[in-house]
Amino acid sequence: MSDDFCLEAVEVALARHGKPEIFNTHQGSQFTSGEFVGLRLANRIDVGISFVCLHLHLMKV
């Protein structure tokens, strides 16, 4: 899956269904890209705990 495909899928879902309460994704690089994270943050969408753990691991916190 490409980054663009994932971004477009989320944009379409937001337009059709509004903001979800929580957002769970696979841990692939397309979901940790700056554009994808920016889209999520701009829409104030919380993430599931597995994503938080991955992000902390990638940042080596």
C-alpha atoms as a PDB file:
ATOM      1  CA  MET A   1       0.000   0.000   0.000  1.00  0.00           C
ATOM      2  CA  SER A   2       1.265   3.431  -0.839  1.00  0.00           C
ATOM      3  CA  ASP A   3       1.229   6.484   1.417  1.00  0.00           C
ATOM      4  CA  ASP A   4      -1.087   8.275  -1.026  1.00  0.00           C
ATOM      5  CA  PHE A   5      -3.582   5.397  -1.015  1.00  0.00           C
ATOM      6  CA  CYS A   6      -3.745   5.419   2.803  1.00  0.00           C
ATOM      7  CA  LEU A   7      -4.095   9.200   3.011  1.00  0.00           C
ATOM      8  CA  GLU A   8      -6.883   9.220   0.445  1.00  0.00           C
ATOM      9  CA  ALA A   9      -8.700   6.370   2.224  1.00  0.00           C
ATOM     10  CA  VAL A  10      -8.683   8.283   5.516  1.00  0.00           C
ATOM     11  CA  GLU A  11      -9.783  11.518   3.847  1.00  0.00           C
ATOM     12  CA  VAL A  12     -12.709   9.731   2.180  1.00  0.00           C
ATOM     13  CA  ALA A  13     -13.673   7.997   5.437  1.00  0.00           C
ATOM     14  CA  LEU A  14     -13.584  11.300   7.336  1.00  0.00           C
ATOM     15  CA  ALA A  15     -15.751  12.965   4.705  1.00  0.00           C
ATOM     16  CA  ARG A  16     -18.299  10.136   4.738  1.00  0.00           C
ATOM     17  CA  HIS A  17     -18.365   9.161   8.402  1.00  0.00           C
ATOM     18  CA  GLY A  18     -16.766  11.967  10.408  1.00  0.00           C
ATOM     19  CA  LYS A  19     -14.085  11.648  13.050  1.00  0.00           C
ATOM     20  CA  PRO A  20     -13.707   8.259  14.750  1.00  0.00           C
ATOM     21  CA  GLU A  21     -13.350   7.952  18.524  1.00  0.00           C
ATOM     22  CA  ILE A  22     -10.075   6.057  18.141  1.00  0.00           C
ATOM     23  CA  PHE A  23      -7.923   5.112  15.188  1.00  0.00           C
ATOM     24  CA  ASN A  24      -6.136   1.767  14.913  1.00  0.00           C
ATOM     25  CA  THR A  25      -3.761   1.086  12.042  1.00  0.00           C
ATOM     26  CA  HIS A  26      -1.243  -1.432  10.912  1.00  0.00           C
ATOM     27  CA  GLN A  27       2.272  -0.415  11.913  1.00  0.00           C
ATOM     28  CA  GLY A  28       3.592   0.084   8.383  1.00  0.00           C
ATOM     29  CA  SER A  29       5.649   3.086   7.349  1.00  0.00           C
ATOM     30  CA  GLN A  30       2.714   4.605   5.454  1.00  0.00           C
ATOM     31  CA  PHE A  31       0.950   5.077   8.818  1.00  0.00           C
ATOM     32  CA  THR A  32       3.943   6.701  10.502  1.00  0.00           C
ATOM     33  CA  SER A  33       4.765   9.139   7.705  1.00  0.00           C
ATOM     34  CA  GLY A  34       4.708  12.831   8.490  1.00  0.00           C
ATOM     35  CA  GLU A  35       1.780  13.406   6.138  1.00  0.00           C
ATOM     36  CA  PHE A  36      -0.334  10.658   7.688  1.00  0.00           C
ATOM     37  CA  VAL A  37       0.423  11.716  11.263  1.00  0.00           C
ATOM     38  CA  GLY A  38      -0.258  15.333  10.262  1.00  0.00           C
ATOM     39  CA  LEU A  39      -3.659  14.385   8.843  1.00  0.00           C
ATOM     40  CA  ARG A  40      -4.495  12.535  12.046  1.00  0.00           C
ATOM     41  CA  LEU A  41      -3.358  15.405  14.263  1.00  0.00           C
ATOM     42  CA  ALA A  42      -5.146  18.038  12.162  1.00  0.00           C
ATOM     43  CA  ASN A  43      -8.370  16.102  12.700  1.00  0.00           C
ATOM     44  CA  ARG A  44      -7.655  15.520  16.419  1.00  0.00           C
ATOM     45  CA  ILE A  45      -7.914  11.746  16.052  1.00  0.00           C
ATOM     46  CA  ASP A  46      -6.576   9.643  18.932  1.00  0.00           C
ATOM     47  CA  VAL A  47      -4.626   6.481  18.179  1.00  0.00           C
ATOM     48  CA  GLY A  48      -4.702   2.996  19.627  1.00  0.00           C
ATOM     49  CA  ILE A  49      -2.049   1.974  22.127  1.00  0.00           C
ATOM     50  CA  SER A  50      -0.114  -0.195  19.657  1.00  0.00           C
ATOM     51  CA  PHE A  51       0.496   2.873  17.490  1.00  0.00           C
ATOM     52  CA  VAL A  52       1.673   4.875  20.507  1.00  0.00           C
ATOM     53  CA  CYS A  53       4.135   2.119  21.431  1.00  0.00           C
ATOM     54  CA  LEU A  54       5.453   1.978  17.871  1.00  0.00           C
ATOM     55  CA  HIS A  55       5.865   5.736  17.707  1.00  0.00           C
ATOM     56  CA  LEU A  56       7.778   5.804  20.997  1.00  0.00           C
ATOM     57  CA  HIS A  57       9.969   2.963  19.769  1.00  0.00           C
ATOM     58  CA  LEU A  58      10.741   4.782  16.527  1.00  0.00           C
ATOM     59  CA  MET A  59      11.612   7.924  18.460  1.00  0.00           C
ATOM     60  CA  LYS A  60      13.737   5.814  20.844  1.00  0.00           C
ATOM     61  CA  VAL A  61      12.063   7.353  23.894  1.00  0.00           C
END
